[in-house]
Amino acid sequence: MRLSQQATLQGSHMITCYLNYLIDPYKVEEFETYARLWIPLVTKFGGTHHGYFLPHEGANNRAYALFSFPSLAEYETYRNKIKTDGDCIAAWEHAEKTSCIVSFERSFMRPVFE
């Protein structure tokens, strides 16, 4: 069963978190390491990661990520759990140590698949 079907059956609305990163263009490799650390962590806490999108052509300092949770409540549970999870803390420490992220914005979307 797909995530959107699960959310509908549970009577909640799936949300997708859209992250818009301003990254250091000289540290794309470090940011990619950070991205690869987070993908399984979102899954670990019940979400579905749709991937990170790194610079290729055009702006060299922008990256994006998309991941979904069956509901806003489940996303909030994830946010609370990551504060004390060792792997999540290590991922944030990697970003801080390498200074690969300059800033980021987080938005929430309601996806339409069909």
Protein backbone atom coordinates (compact mmCIF):
# COMPACT_ATOMS: atom_id res chain seq x y z
CA MET A 1 0.00 0.00 0.00
CA ARG A 2 1.38 3.41 -0.94
CA LEU A 3 1.94 6.12 1.66
CA SER A 4 -0.88 8.27 0.23
CA GLN A 5 -3.33 5.35 0.48
CA GLN A 6 -2.29 4.67 4.07
CA ALA A 7 -2.86 8.30 5.01
CA THR A 8 -6.30 8.34 3.37
CA LEU A 9 -7.34 5.16 5.17
CA GLN A 10 -6.22 6.61 8.49
CA GLY A 11 -8.33 9.74 7.90
CA SER A 12 -5.33 12.07 7.86
CA HIS A 13 -3.62 14.04 5.15
CA MET A 14 -0.16 13.18 3.98
CA ILE A 15 2.29 16.05 4.06
CA THR A 16 5.48 16.51 2.10
CA CYS A 17 8.31 18.51 3.53
CA TYR A 18 10.13 20.58 0.92
CA LEU A 19 13.61 21.74 1.96
CA ASN A 20 15.33 24.49 -0.01
CA TYR A 21 19.03 24.66 0.91
CA LEU A 22 21.56 27.38 0.27
CA ILE A 23 24.83 25.43 0.26
CA ASP A 24 28.49 26.30 -0.04
CA PRO A 25 29.27 25.65 -3.73
CA TYR A 26 32.76 24.49 -2.78
CA LYS A 27 31.34 21.85 -0.42
CA VAL A 28 28.84 19.99 -2.58
CA GLU A 29 30.59 16.69 -1.82
CA GLU A 30 30.25 17.30 1.91
CA PHE A 31 26.58 18.18 1.43
CA GLU A 32 26.05 14.97 -0.56
CA THR A 33 27.48 13.00 2.36
CA TYR A 34 25.02 14.79 4.67
CA ALA A 35 22.15 13.99 2.28
CA ARG A 36 23.07 10.30 2.14
CA LEU A 37 23.09 10.21 5.95
CA TRP A 38 19.54 11.63 6.21
CA ILE A 39 17.73 9.52 3.60
CA PRO A 40 17.64 6.32 5.72
CA LEU A 41 16.93 8.32 8.87
CA VAL A 42 13.65 9.66 7.51
CA THR A 43 12.68 6.09 6.62
CA LYS A 44 13.75 4.88 10.08
CA PHE A 45 11.18 7.21 11.65
CA GLY A 46 8.26 6.35 9.36
CA GLY A 47 8.66 8.76 6.48
CA THR A 48 9.28 8.28 2.79
CA HIS A 49 12.27 10.14 1.38
CA HIS A 50 11.91 11.26 -2.23
CA GLY A 51 15.56 12.24 -2.54
CA TYR A 52 17.95 15.14 -2.48
CA PHE A 53 18.51 17.17 -5.61
CA LEU A 54 22.00 18.63 -5.95
CA PRO A 55 23.39 21.29 -8.30
CA HIS A 56 24.18 20.18 -11.82
CA GLU A 57 23.41 22.97 -14.29
CA GLY A 58 22.43 26.48 -13.28
CA ALA A 59 22.84 27.71 -9.71
CA ASN A 60 25.72 25.93 -7.98
CA ASN A 61 24.63 26.80 -4.44
CA ARG A 62 21.09 25.39 -4.30
CA ALA A 63 19.96 21.94 -3.25
CA TYR A 64 16.53 20.54 -2.49
CA ALA A 65 15.02 17.63 -0.61
CA LEU A 66 11.53 16.16 -0.44
CA PHE A 67 10.16 13.67 2.05
CA SER A 68 6.67 12.73 3.17
CA PHE A 69 4.90 11.54 6.29
CA PRO A 70 1.37 10.14 6.51
CA SER A 71 0.29 13.14 8.60
CA LEU A 72 1.56 16.32 10.22
CA ALA A 73 1.27 14.59 13.61
CA GLU A 74 3.63 11.83 12.45
CA TYR A 75 6.05 14.43 11.11
CA GLU A 76 6.00 16.17 14.50
CA THR A 77 6.73 12.83 16.21
CA TYR A 78 9.71 12.41 13.84
CA ARG A 79 10.96 15.91 14.72
CA ASN A 80 10.89 15.05 18.43
CA LYS A 81 12.63 11.69 18.01
CA ILE A 82 15.50 13.02 15.87
CA LYS A 83 16.58 15.37 18.66
CA THR A 84 17.94 12.47 20.69
CA ASP A 85 18.82 9.90 18.02
CA GLY A 86 22.59 9.34 17.76
CA ASP A 87 22.60 8.93 13.96
CA CYS A 88 20.60 12.13 13.48
CA ILE A 89 22.89 14.04 15.80
CA ALA A 90 25.91 12.72 13.87
CA ALA A 91 24.38 13.92 10.58
CA TRP A 92 23.85 17.43 11.99
CA GLU A 93 27.36 17.44 13.41
CA HIS A 94 28.74 16.57 9.96
CA ALA A 95 26.91 19.57 8.46
CA GLU A 96 28.14 21.86 11.24
CA LYS A 97 31.73 20.58 11.07
CA THR A 98 31.95 20.98 7.29
CA SER A 99 29.84 24.17 7.06
CA CYS A 100 28.30 22.80 3.86
CA ILE A 101 24.88 24.31 4.64
CA VAL A 102 24.65 28.09 4.69
CA SER A 103 20.90 28.17 5.39
CA PHE A 104 17.68 26.34 4.58
CA GLU A 105 13.95 26.92 4.37
CA ARG A 106 11.33 24.31 5.21
CA SER A 107 7.84 24.32 3.64
CA PHE A 108 5.02 21.80 3.83
CA MET A 109 2.98 20.72 0.87
CA ARG A 110 -0.05 18.52 0.35
CA PRO A 111 0.83 16.24 -2.55
CA VAL A 112 -1.56 15.23 -5.30
CA PHE A 113 -0.58 11.96 -7.00
CA GLU A 114 -3.73 11.00 -8.91
